[in-house]
């Protein structure tokens, strides 16, 4: 097991290097063209002990709250907070087609627990096919109207918790990485 961990770590680092957005790829983006002069500032692309945790936290926020254009939004969020743009963009991949349904279910469960909406609902009989799609569509909208607040509150709580946890873990990981570099330098 101990020998498999370095290989897994190296594969993960290689995946990050392959998928990490570069300044050139961001330069070519049509979405970012209006603010390219700000996004491409060199200080936003340096890996520092302050910019990396900020980038992780902002990437979590963009990844959880925005279902589309997450990378562009994370890059825009990085501007006022002086966060690392590439880390913010890469962190948005925490939400993907495999993890999003689980995260949304977790968000709904958290929201329904906080809002105490777990009370049993009296079930209505299934509508006949003859009544049509309009009744089905209004039933879906009614269900969404009932469950939406719990999902929204849960998503906000989950986003804040993930951003704080991501910030703390990346700051701690950065500290461990630097300590390891110092130890190997002194040996």
N, C-alpha and C. Protein backbone atom coordinates (compact mmCIF):
# COMPACT_ATOMS: atom_id res chain seq x y z
N UNK A 1 0.82 -1.20 0.00
CA UNK A 1 0.00 0.00 0.00
C UNK A 1 0.86 1.25 0.00
N UNK A 2 1.99 1.19 0.73
CA UNK A 2 2.85 2.36 0.82
C UNK A 2 3.49 2.66 -0.54
N UNK A 3 3.75 1.64 -1.35
CA UNK A 3 4.37 1.87 -2.64
C UNK A 3 3.38 2.42 -3.65
N UNK A 4 2.09 2.17 -3.46
CA UNK A 4 1.08 2.66 -4.39
C UNK A 4 0.80 4.14 -4.19
N UNK A 5 1.00 4.64 -2.98
CA UNK A 5 0.69 6.04 -2.69
C UNK A 5 1.54 7.01 -3.50
N UNK A 6 2.87 6.82 -3.61
CA UNK A 6 3.64 7.77 -4.43
C UNK A 6 3.21 7.76 -5.90
N UNK A 7 2.87 6.60 -6.44
CA UNK A 7 2.41 6.53 -7.82
C UNK A 7 1.10 7.27 -8.00
N UNK A 8 0.20 7.12 -7.05
CA UNK A 8 -1.07 7.82 -7.10
C UNK A 8 -0.85 9.32 -6.99
N UNK A 9 0.03 9.74 -6.10
CA UNK A 9 0.35 11.14 -5.92
C UNK A 9 0.95 11.72 -7.21
N UNK A 10 1.84 10.98 -7.84
CA UNK A 10 2.47 11.45 -9.08
C UNK A 10 1.46 11.54 -10.22
N UNK A 11 0.55 10.56 -10.29
CA UNK A 11 -0.48 10.62 -11.32
C UNK A 11 -1.40 11.82 -11.10
N UNK A 12 -1.74 12.08 -9.84
CA UNK A 12 -2.58 13.25 -9.53
C UNK A 12 -1.88 14.55 -9.86
N UNK A 13 -0.60 14.64 -9.56
CA UNK A 13 0.17 15.85 -9.89
C UNK A 13 0.27 16.02 -11.40
N UNK A 14 0.46 14.92 -12.12
CA UNK A 14 0.54 14.99 -13.58
C UNK A 14 -0.79 15.43 -14.17
N UNK A 15 -1.91 14.94 -13.62
CA UNK A 15 -3.23 15.35 -14.10
C UNK A 15 -3.42 16.84 -13.87
N UNK A 16 -3.01 17.34 -12.70
CA UNK A 16 -3.13 18.77 -12.41
C UNK A 16 -2.30 19.59 -13.38
N UNK A 17 -1.08 19.17 -13.68
CA UNK A 17 -0.24 19.90 -14.61
C UNK A 17 -0.86 19.94 -16.01
N UNK A 18 -1.47 18.82 -16.43
CA UNK A 18 -2.09 18.77 -17.75
C UNK A 18 -3.31 19.66 -17.82
N UNK A 19 -4.11 19.71 -16.75
CA UNK A 19 -5.39 20.42 -16.78
C UNK A 19 -5.33 21.82 -16.19
N UNK A 20 -4.22 22.20 -15.62
CA UNK A 20 -4.08 23.52 -15.04
C UNK A 20 -4.13 24.56 -16.16
N UNK A 21 -5.03 25.51 -16.08
CA UNK A 21 -5.09 26.52 -17.14
C UNK A 21 -3.82 27.35 -17.16
N UNK A 22 -3.33 27.63 -18.34
CA UNK A 22 -2.14 28.46 -18.48
C UNK A 22 -2.55 29.89 -18.80
N UNK A 23 -1.60 30.79 -18.67
CA UNK A 23 -1.88 32.17 -19.02
C UNK A 23 -2.28 32.26 -20.49
N UNK A 24 -1.65 31.47 -21.32
CA UNK A 24 -1.94 31.50 -22.76
C UNK A 24 -3.35 31.03 -23.06
N UNK A 25 -3.79 29.97 -22.37
CA UNK A 25 -5.16 29.48 -22.61
C UNK A 25 -6.19 30.49 -22.11
N UNK A 26 -5.88 31.17 -21.02
CA UNK A 26 -6.80 32.20 -20.52
C UNK A 26 -6.79 33.41 -21.47
N UNK A 27 -5.66 33.68 -22.06
CA UNK A 27 -5.53 34.80 -23.00
C UNK A 27 -6.40 34.59 -24.22
N UNK A 28 -6.54 33.34 -24.64
CA UNK A 28 -7.33 33.01 -25.82
C UNK A 28 -8.83 32.95 -25.54
N UNK A 29 -9.23 32.95 -24.29
CA UNK A 29 -10.64 32.81 -23.93
C UNK A 29 -11.43 34.07 -24.33
N UNK A 30 -12.51 33.86 -25.05
CA UNK A 30 -13.35 35.00 -25.45
C UNK A 30 -14.10 35.58 -24.26
N UNK A 31 -14.45 34.74 -23.29
CA UNK A 31 -15.17 35.23 -22.11
C UNK A 31 -14.32 36.20 -21.29
N UNK A 32 -13.03 35.96 -21.25
CA UNK A 32 -12.16 36.78 -20.42
C UNK A 32 -11.51 37.94 -21.16
N UNK A 33 -11.75 38.05 -22.45
CA UNK A 33 -11.10 39.10 -23.23
C UNK A 33 -11.32 40.50 -22.68
N UNK A 34 -12.52 40.87 -22.21
CA UNK A 34 -12.70 42.24 -21.69
C UNK A 34 -11.85 42.55 -20.45
N UNK A 35 -11.52 41.54 -19.68
CA UNK A 35 -10.75 41.77 -18.46
C UNK A 35 -9.39 41.07 -18.50
N UNK A 36 -8.93 40.74 -19.70
CA UNK A 36 -7.69 39.98 -19.84
C UNK A 36 -6.50 40.72 -19.24
N UNK A 37 -6.47 42.04 -19.35
CA UNK A 37 -5.34 42.78 -18.80
C UNK A 37 -5.26 42.64 -17.29
N UNK A 38 -6.40 42.45 -16.63
CA UNK A 38 -6.39 42.25 -15.18
C UNK A 38 -6.12 40.80 -14.82
N UNK A 39 -6.74 39.87 -15.53
CA UNK A 39 -6.61 38.44 -15.22
C UNK A 39 -5.19 37.96 -15.48
N UNK A 40 -4.52 38.53 -16.45
CA UNK A 40 -3.20 38.05 -16.83
C UNK A 40 -2.07 38.75 -16.09
N UNK A 41 -2.40 39.50 -15.06
CA UNK A 41 -1.36 40.15 -14.25
C UNK A 41 -0.47 39.08 -13.63
N UNK A 42 0.85 39.23 -13.68
CA UNK A 42 1.76 38.18 -13.20
C UNK A 42 1.57 37.79 -11.74
N UNK A 43 1.19 38.73 -10.89
CA UNK A 43 1.04 38.40 -9.47
C UNK A 43 -0.13 37.45 -9.20
N UNK A 44 -1.06 37.36 -10.14
CA UNK A 44 -2.19 36.44 -9.98
C UNK A 44 -1.85 35.02 -10.41
N UNK A 45 -0.66 34.80 -10.96
CA UNK A 45 -0.27 33.49 -11.43
C UNK A 45 0.87 32.90 -10.60
N UNK A 46 1.33 33.61 -9.60
CA UNK A 46 2.39 33.10 -8.73
C UNK A 46 1.80 32.24 -7.64
N UNK A 47 2.51 31.19 -7.29
CA UNK A 47 2.09 30.29 -6.22
C UNK A 47 2.73 30.78 -4.92
N UNK A 48 1.91 31.40 -4.07
CA UNK A 48 2.40 31.87 -2.77
C UNK A 48 1.54 31.29 -1.67
N UNK A 49 2.01 31.42 -0.44
CA UNK A 49 1.28 30.83 0.67
C UNK A 49 -0.06 31.51 0.92
N UNK A 50 -0.24 32.70 0.40
CA UNK A 50 -1.51 33.40 0.56
C UNK A 50 -2.43 33.23 -0.65
N UNK A 51 -1.85 33.22 -1.83
CA UNK A 51 -2.69 33.18 -3.03
C UNK A 51 -3.28 31.80 -3.30
N UNK A 52 -2.57 30.74 -2.92
CA UNK A 52 -3.07 29.39 -3.20
C UNK A 52 -4.31 29.05 -2.35
N UNK A 53 -4.29 29.26 -1.02
CA UNK A 53 -5.52 28.98 -0.27
C UNK A 53 -6.70 29.86 -0.69
N UNK A 54 -6.42 31.09 -1.04
CA UNK A 54 -7.50 31.96 -1.55
C UNK A 54 -8.07 31.40 -2.84
N UNK A 55 -7.19 30.92 -3.71
CA UNK A 55 -7.65 30.33 -4.97
C UNK A 55 -8.49 29.09 -4.75
N UNK A 56 -8.09 28.27 -3.79
CA UNK A 56 -8.87 27.06 -3.48
C UNK A 56 -10.26 27.45 -2.98
N UNK A 57 -10.33 28.39 -2.06
CA UNK A 57 -11.62 28.80 -1.50
C UNK A 57 -12.52 29.41 -2.58
N UNK A 58 -11.97 30.27 -3.42
CA UNK A 58 -12.78 30.90 -4.46
C UNK A 58 -13.18 29.90 -5.54
N UNK A 59 -12.33 28.93 -5.82
CA UNK A 59 -12.69 27.87 -6.78
C UNK A 59 -13.83 27.02 -6.25
N UNK A 60 -13.82 26.76 -4.95
CA UNK A 60 -14.93 26.01 -4.35
C UNK A 60 -16.24 26.78 -4.49
N UNK A 61 -16.19 28.07 -4.20
CA UNK A 61 -17.40 28.90 -4.30
C UNK A 61 -17.92 28.91 -5.74
N UNK A 62 -17.04 29.15 -6.69
CA UNK A 62 -17.47 29.18 -8.09
C UNK A 62 -17.96 27.81 -8.55
N UNK A 63 -17.28 26.76 -8.11
CA UNK A 63 -17.68 25.41 -8.53
C UNK A 63 -19.02 24.98 -7.98
N UNK A 64 -19.31 25.36 -6.74
CA UNK A 64 -20.57 24.94 -6.13
C UNK A 64 -21.75 25.80 -6.56
N UNK A 65 -21.56 27.11 -6.63
CA UNK A 65 -22.70 28.00 -6.84
C UNK A 65 -23.06 28.25 -8.30
N UNK A 66 -22.11 28.06 -9.21
CA UNK A 66 -22.37 28.40 -10.60
C UNK A 66 -22.27 27.14 -11.47
N UNK A 67 -23.38 26.71 -12.06
CA UNK A 67 -23.34 25.48 -12.85
C UNK A 67 -22.66 25.63 -14.21
N UNK A 68 -22.53 26.83 -14.73
CA UNK A 68 -21.88 27.05 -16.02
C UNK A 68 -20.81 28.13 -15.88
N UNK A 69 -19.84 28.10 -16.76
CA UNK A 69 -18.75 29.09 -16.82
C UNK A 69 -18.00 29.20 -15.50
N UNK A 70 -17.80 28.07 -14.84
CA UNK A 70 -17.18 28.07 -13.52
C UNK A 70 -15.74 28.58 -13.56
N UNK A 71 -14.99 28.19 -14.56
CA UNK A 71 -13.58 28.59 -14.64
C UNK A 71 -13.47 30.09 -14.85
N UNK A 72 -14.28 30.63 -15.74
CA UNK A 72 -14.25 32.07 -15.98
C UNK A 72 -14.68 32.84 -14.73
N UNK A 73 -15.68 32.36 -14.05
CA UNK A 73 -16.16 33.03 -12.84
C UNK A 73 -15.11 32.95 -11.74
N UNK A 74 -14.46 31.80 -11.61
CA UNK A 74 -13.40 31.67 -10.61
C UNK A 74 -12.25 32.62 -10.92
N UNK A 75 -11.91 32.76 -12.19
CA UNK A 75 -10.85 33.69 -12.58
C UNK A 75 -11.24 35.13 -12.25
N UNK A 76 -12.49 35.47 -12.48
CA UNK A 76 -12.95 36.82 -12.14
C UNK A 76 -12.98 37.04 -10.63
N UNK A 77 -13.37 36.01 -9.88
CA UNK A 77 -13.35 36.12 -8.41
C UNK A 77 -11.93 36.32 -7.89
N UNK A 78 -10.97 35.75 -8.57
CA UNK A 78 -9.57 35.82 -8.11
C UNK A 78 -9.01 37.24 -8.18
N UNK A 79 -9.56 38.07 -9.04
CA UNK A 79 -9.02 39.42 -9.22
C UNK A 79 -9.05 40.26 -7.95
N UNK A 80 -10.20 40.52 -7.35
CA UNK A 80 -10.19 41.41 -6.18
C UNK A 80 -9.54 40.79 -4.95
N UNK A 81 -9.50 39.47 -4.88
CA UNK A 81 -8.94 38.81 -3.69
C UNK A 81 -7.47 38.46 -3.84
N UNK A 82 -6.88 38.78 -5.01
CA UNK A 82 -5.47 38.49 -5.31
C UNK A 82 -5.16 37.01 -5.08
N UNK A 83 -6.04 36.18 -5.56
CA UNK A 83 -5.87 34.73 -5.44
C UNK A 83 -5.20 34.21 -6.71
N UNK A 84 -4.63 33.02 -6.61
CA UNK A 84 -3.99 32.40 -7.75
C UNK A 84 -5.08 31.95 -8.72
N UNK A 85 -5.03 32.47 -9.94
CA UNK A 85 -6.07 32.22 -10.93
C UNK A 85 -6.10 30.75 -11.34
N UNK A 86 -4.93 30.16 -11.57
CA UNK A 86 -4.91 28.77 -12.03
C UNK A 86 -5.42 27.81 -10.96
N UNK A 87 -5.10 28.06 -9.70
CA UNK A 87 -5.60 27.21 -8.63
C UNK A 87 -7.11 27.37 -8.49
N UNK A 88 -7.60 28.60 -8.58
CA UNK A 88 -9.05 28.83 -8.50
C UNK A 88 -9.77 28.11 -9.63
N UNK A 89 -9.21 28.19 -10.83
CA UNK A 89 -9.84 27.54 -11.98
C UNK A 89 -9.81 26.02 -11.85
N UNK A 90 -8.68 25.47 -11.39
CA UNK A 90 -8.56 24.02 -11.25
C UNK A 90 -9.47 23.49 -10.14
N UNK A 91 -9.67 24.25 -9.09
CA UNK A 91 -10.50 23.80 -7.97
C UNK A 91 -11.97 23.67 -8.37
N UNK A 92 -12.38 24.38 -9.40
CA UNK A 92 -13.78 24.26 -9.82
C UNK A 92 -14.12 22.85 -10.30
N UNK A 93 -13.09 22.06 -10.62
CA UNK A 93 -13.34 20.68 -11.08
C UNK A 93 -13.82 19.77 -9.95
N UNK A 94 -13.95 20.30 -8.74
CA UNK A 94 -14.51 19.49 -7.66
C UNK A 94 -15.96 19.14 -7.99
N UNK A 95 -16.61 20.01 -8.74
CA UNK A 95 -17.95 19.68 -9.21
C UNK A 95 -17.83 19.24 -10.66
N UNK A 96 -18.27 18.05 -10.91
CA UNK A 96 -18.24 17.48 -12.25
C UNK A 96 -19.46 16.58 -12.37
N UNK A 97 -19.71 15.99 -13.52
CA UNK A 97 -20.92 15.17 -13.66
C UNK A 97 -21.03 14.01 -12.67
N UNK A 98 -19.92 13.58 -12.10
CA UNK A 98 -19.97 12.47 -11.14
C UNK A 98 -20.27 12.95 -9.72
N UNK A 99 -19.72 14.10 -9.34
CA UNK A 99 -19.87 14.57 -7.95
C UNK A 99 -21.06 15.49 -7.76
N UNK A 100 -21.52 16.17 -8.80
CA UNK A 100 -22.59 17.15 -8.63
C UNK A 100 -23.88 16.55 -8.08
N UNK A 101 -24.38 15.42 -8.58
CA UNK A 101 -25.61 14.88 -7.99
C UNK A 101 -25.48 14.57 -6.50
N UNK A 102 -24.33 14.04 -6.10
CA UNK A 102 -24.13 13.75 -4.67
C UNK A 102 -24.06 15.03 -3.84
N UNK A 103 -23.38 16.03 -4.37
CA UNK A 103 -23.29 17.30 -3.66
C UNK A 103 -24.65 17.98 -3.56
N UNK A 104 -25.44 17.91 -4.62
CA UNK A 104 -26.77 18.50 -4.57
C UNK A 104 -27.68 17.76 -3.61
N UNK A 105 -27.57 16.45 -3.56
CA UNK A 105 -28.35 15.68 -2.59
C UNK A 105 -27.94 16.03 -1.17
N UNK A 106 -26.64 16.13 -0.95
CA UNK A 106 -26.15 16.53 0.37
C UNK A 106 -26.62 17.93 0.72
N UNK A 107 -26.60 18.84 -0.25
CA UNK A 107 -27.07 20.21 -0.01
C UNK A 107 -28.55 20.21 0.37
N UNK A 108 -29.35 19.41 -0.34
CA UNK A 108 -30.77 19.33 -0.01
C UNK A 108 -30.99 18.76 1.39
N UNK A 109 -30.24 17.72 1.72
CA UNK A 109 -30.39 17.11 3.06
C UNK A 109 -30.00 18.11 4.15
N UNK A 110 -28.92 18.85 3.95
CA UNK A 110 -28.50 19.85 4.93
C UNK A 110 -29.56 20.93 5.06
N UNK A 111 -30.06 21.42 3.93
CA UNK A 111 -31.07 22.47 3.95
C UNK A 111 -32.37 22.03 4.58
N UNK A 112 -32.80 20.82 4.28
CA UNK A 112 -34.05 20.33 4.87
C UNK A 112 -33.89 20.08 6.36
N UNK A 113 -32.68 19.70 6.78
CA UNK A 113 -32.43 19.54 8.21
C UNK A 113 -32.43 20.90 8.91
N UNK A 114 -31.80 21.89 8.29
CA UNK A 114 -31.76 23.22 8.90
C UNK A 114 -33.13 23.90 8.93
N UNK A 115 -33.90 23.71 7.87
CA UNK A 115 -35.22 24.34 7.79
C UNK A 115 -36.33 23.47 8.38
N UNK A 116 -35.97 22.29 8.85
CA UNK A 116 -36.93 21.35 9.45
C UNK A 116 -38.08 21.03 8.49
N UNK A 117 -37.74 20.74 7.25
CA UNK A 117 -38.76 20.40 6.26
C UNK A 117 -38.82 18.90 6.01
N UNK A 118 -38.35 18.12 6.97
CA UNK A 118 -38.36 16.67 6.81
C UNK A 118 -39.70 16.04 7.16
N UNK A 119 -40.69 16.84 7.44
CA UNK A 119 -41.99 16.31 7.82
C UNK A 119 -42.57 15.50 6.67
N UNK A 120 -43.25 14.41 6.99
CA UNK A 120 -43.82 13.59 5.91
C UNK A 120 -44.87 14.36 5.12
N UNK A 121 -44.89 14.12 3.83
CA UNK A 121 -45.82 14.80 2.94
C UNK A 121 -46.89 13.80 2.52
N UNK A 122 -48.14 14.24 2.53
CA UNK A 122 -49.22 13.39 2.09
C UNK A 122 -49.11 13.22 0.59
N UNK A 123 -49.02 11.98 0.15
CA UNK A 123 -48.82 11.70 -1.27
C UNK A 123 -50.12 11.85 -2.03
N UNK A 124 -50.02 12.36 -3.23
CA UNK A 124 -51.17 12.46 -4.11
C UNK A 124 -51.09 11.32 -5.13
N UNK A 125 -52.22 10.86 -5.60
CA UNK A 125 -52.18 9.79 -6.60
C UNK A 125 -51.52 10.29 -7.89
N UNK A 126 -50.91 9.38 -8.59
CA UNK A 126 -50.25 9.72 -9.85
C UNK A 126 -51.33 10.07 -10.87
N UNK A 127 -51.09 11.17 -11.57
CA UNK A 127 -52.06 11.64 -12.56
C UNK A 127 -52.13 10.68 -13.75
N UNK A 128 -53.28 10.62 -14.35
CA UNK A 128 -53.44 9.79 -15.55
C UNK A 128 -52.64 10.38 -16.69
N UNK A 129 -52.28 9.55 -17.62
CA UNK A 129 -51.58 10.02 -18.80
C UNK A 129 -52.49 10.90 -19.64
N UNK A 130 -53.78 10.72 -19.48
CA UNK A 130 -54.74 11.49 -20.27
C UNK A 130 -54.76 12.95 -19.84
N UNK A 131 -54.36 13.25 -18.59
CA UNK A 131 -54.41 14.65 -18.14
C UNK A 131 -53.32 15.47 -18.80
N UNK A 132 -52.27 14.86 -19.29
CA UNK A 132 -51.30 15.57 -20.12
C UNK A 132 -50.07 16.05 -19.40
N UNK A 133 -49.22 16.57 -20.23
CA UNK A 133 -47.91 17.02 -19.76
C UNK A 133 -48.00 18.30 -18.96
N UNK A 134 -49.06 19.11 -19.17
CA UNK A 134 -49.16 20.38 -18.45
C UNK A 134 -49.32 20.14 -16.95
N UNK A 135 -50.13 19.18 -16.59
CA UNK A 135 -50.29 18.88 -15.17
C UNK A 135 -48.98 18.31 -14.60
N UNK A 136 -48.30 17.49 -15.38
CA UNK A 136 -47.00 16.96 -14.93
C UNK A 136 -46.00 18.10 -14.73
N UNK A 137 -45.95 19.04 -15.68
CA UNK A 137 -45.01 20.16 -15.59
C UNK A 137 -45.34 21.05 -14.39
N UNK A 138 -46.61 21.33 -14.16
CA UNK A 138 -46.96 22.16 -13.00
C UNK A 138 -46.69 21.42 -11.70
N UNK A 139 -46.85 20.10 -11.72
CA UNK A 139 -46.50 19.31 -10.54
C UNK A 139 -45.01 19.37 -10.25
N UNK A 140 -44.20 19.31 -11.32
CA UNK A 140 -42.74 19.43 -11.14
C UNK A 140 -42.37 20.80 -10.62
N UNK A 141 -42.97 21.83 -11.14
CA UNK A 141 -42.69 23.20 -10.67
C UNK A 141 -43.13 23.38 -9.22
N UNK A 142 -44.25 22.78 -8.87
CA UNK A 142 -44.72 22.85 -7.48
C UNK A 142 -43.74 22.13 -6.55
N UNK A 143 -43.26 20.96 -6.99
CA UNK A 143 -42.28 20.23 -6.19
C UNK A 143 -41.01 21.05 -6.02
N UNK A 144 -40.56 21.67 -7.13
CA UNK A 144 -39.35 22.50 -7.07
C UNK A 144 -39.56 23.71 -6.16
N UNK A 145 -40.75 24.30 -6.20
CA UNK A 145 -41.06 25.44 -5.34
C UNK A 145 -41.03 25.02 -3.87
N UNK A 146 -41.49 23.82 -3.58
CA UNK A 146 -41.47 23.33 -2.19
C UNK A 146 -40.06 22.98 -1.73
N UNK A 147 -39.25 22.37 -2.59
CA UNK A 147 -37.92 21.89 -2.19
C UNK A 147 -36.82 22.91 -2.43
N UNK A 148 -37.06 23.94 -3.22
CA UNK A 148 -36.06 24.92 -3.58
C UNK A 148 -35.40 25.63 -2.40
N UNK A 149 -36.18 26.14 -1.43
CA UNK A 149 -35.53 26.83 -0.30
C UNK A 149 -34.59 25.94 0.49
N UNK A 150 -34.97 24.69 0.72
CA UNK A 150 -34.09 23.78 1.45
C UNK A 150 -32.81 23.53 0.65
N UNK A 151 -32.94 23.35 -0.66
CA UNK A 151 -31.76 23.14 -1.50
C UNK A 151 -30.87 24.38 -1.50
N UNK A 152 -31.47 25.56 -1.62
CA UNK A 152 -30.70 26.80 -1.64
C UNK A 152 -29.93 27.05 -0.36
N UNK A 153 -30.60 26.87 0.77
CA UNK A 153 -29.93 27.06 2.06
C UNK A 153 -28.83 26.03 2.24
N UNK A 154 -29.12 24.78 1.90
CA UNK A 154 -28.11 23.73 2.02
C UNK A 154 -26.91 23.98 1.11
N UNK A 155 -27.17 24.47 -0.10
CA UNK A 155 -26.07 24.75 -1.02
C UNK A 155 -25.19 25.88 -0.51
N UNK A 156 -25.81 26.91 0.07
CA UNK A 156 -25.02 28.00 0.64
C UNK A 156 -24.18 27.51 1.82
N UNK A 157 -24.78 26.72 2.70
CA UNK A 157 -24.04 26.20 3.85
C UNK A 157 -22.90 25.29 3.39
N UNK A 158 -23.20 24.42 2.44
CA UNK A 158 -22.18 23.50 1.92
C UNK A 158 -21.05 24.27 1.22
N UNK A 159 -21.39 25.32 0.50
CA UNK A 159 -20.38 26.13 -0.19
C UNK A 159 -19.46 26.81 0.81
N UNK A 160 -20.04 27.44 1.83
CA UNK A 160 -19.23 28.13 2.83
C UNK A 160 -18.35 27.14 3.58
N UNK A 161 -18.91 26.00 3.96
CA UNK A 161 -18.13 24.99 4.69
C UNK A 161 -17.00 24.44 3.82
N UNK A 162 -17.27 24.16 2.55
CA UNK A 162 -16.24 23.63 1.66
C UNK A 162 -15.16 24.67 1.39
N UNK A 163 -15.54 25.93 1.25
CA UNK A 163 -14.55 26.98 1.01
C UNK A 163 -13.65 27.17 2.22
N UNK A 164 -14.22 27.17 3.41
CA UNK A 164 -13.41 27.31 4.63
C UNK A 164 -12.50 26.10 4.80
N UNK A 165 -13.06 24.91 4.61
CA UNK A 165 -12.26 23.69 4.75
C UNK A 165 -11.15 23.64 3.69
N UNK A 166 -11.47 24.01 2.46
CA UNK A 166 -10.46 24.04 1.41
C UNK A 166 -9.36 25.05 1.71
N UNK A 167 -9.73 26.21 2.23
CA UNK A 167 -8.74 27.22 2.59
C UNK A 167 -7.80 26.70 3.67
N UNK A 168 -8.39 26.14 4.73
CA UNK A 168 -7.59 25.66 5.87
C UNK A 168 -6.69 24.49 5.44
N UNK A 169 -7.24 23.53 4.71
CA UNK A 169 -6.45 22.37 4.30
C UNK A 169 -5.34 22.75 3.33
N UNK A 170 -5.61 23.67 2.41
CA UNK A 170 -4.55 24.06 1.47
C UNK A 170 -3.49 24.89 2.17
N UNK A 171 -3.87 25.73 3.12
CA UNK A 171 -2.86 26.49 3.88
C UNK A 171 -2.00 25.53 4.70
N UNK A 172 -2.62 24.54 5.31
CA UNK A 172 -1.89 23.55 6.09
C UNK A 172 -1.00 22.70 5.18
N UNK A 173 -1.53 22.30 4.03
CA UNK A 173 -0.74 21.54 3.06
C UNK A 173 0.44 22.34 2.54
N UNK A 174 0.23 23.62 2.30
CA UNK A 174 1.32 24.49 1.85
C UNK A 174 2.41 24.54 2.91
N UNK A 175 1.99 24.67 4.16
CA UNK A 175 2.95 24.73 5.27
C UNK A 175 3.75 23.44 5.38
N UNK A 176 3.08 22.29 5.25
CA UNK A 176 3.77 21.00 5.28
C UNK A 176 4.74 20.86 4.11
N UNK A 177 4.34 21.31 2.94
CA UNK A 177 5.17 21.21 1.76
C UNK A 177 6.44 22.04 1.93
N UNK A 178 6.29 23.25 2.44
CA UNK A 178 7.46 24.12 2.65
C UNK A 178 8.36 23.52 3.73
N UNK A 179 7.78 22.98 4.79
CA UNK A 179 8.59 22.36 5.85
C UNK A 179 9.37 21.17 5.29
N UNK A 180 8.74 20.40 4.43
CA UNK A 180 9.42 19.26 3.82
C UNK A 180 10.57 19.72 2.92
N UNK A 181 10.33 20.79 2.17
CA UNK A 181 11.39 21.33 1.32
C UNK A 181 12.57 21.82 2.17
N UNK A 182 12.30 22.45 3.29
CA UNK A 182 13.37 22.93 4.17
C UNK A 182 14.15 21.77 4.76
N UNK A 183 13.42 20.72 5.15
CA UNK A 183 14.10 19.55 5.71
C UNK A 183 15.02 18.89 4.70
N UNK A 184 14.54 18.73 3.48
CA UNK A 184 15.37 18.10 2.46
C UNK A 184 16.53 19.01 2.06
N UNK A 185 16.35 20.30 2.12
CA UNK A 185 17.43 21.23 1.79
C UNK A 185 18.54 21.16 2.83
N UNK A 186 18.16 21.01 4.09
CA UNK A 186 19.15 20.96 5.16
C UNK A 186 19.86 19.60 5.26
N UNK A 187 19.28 18.58 4.67
CA UNK A 187 19.93 17.26 4.69
C UNK A 187 20.91 17.22 3.58
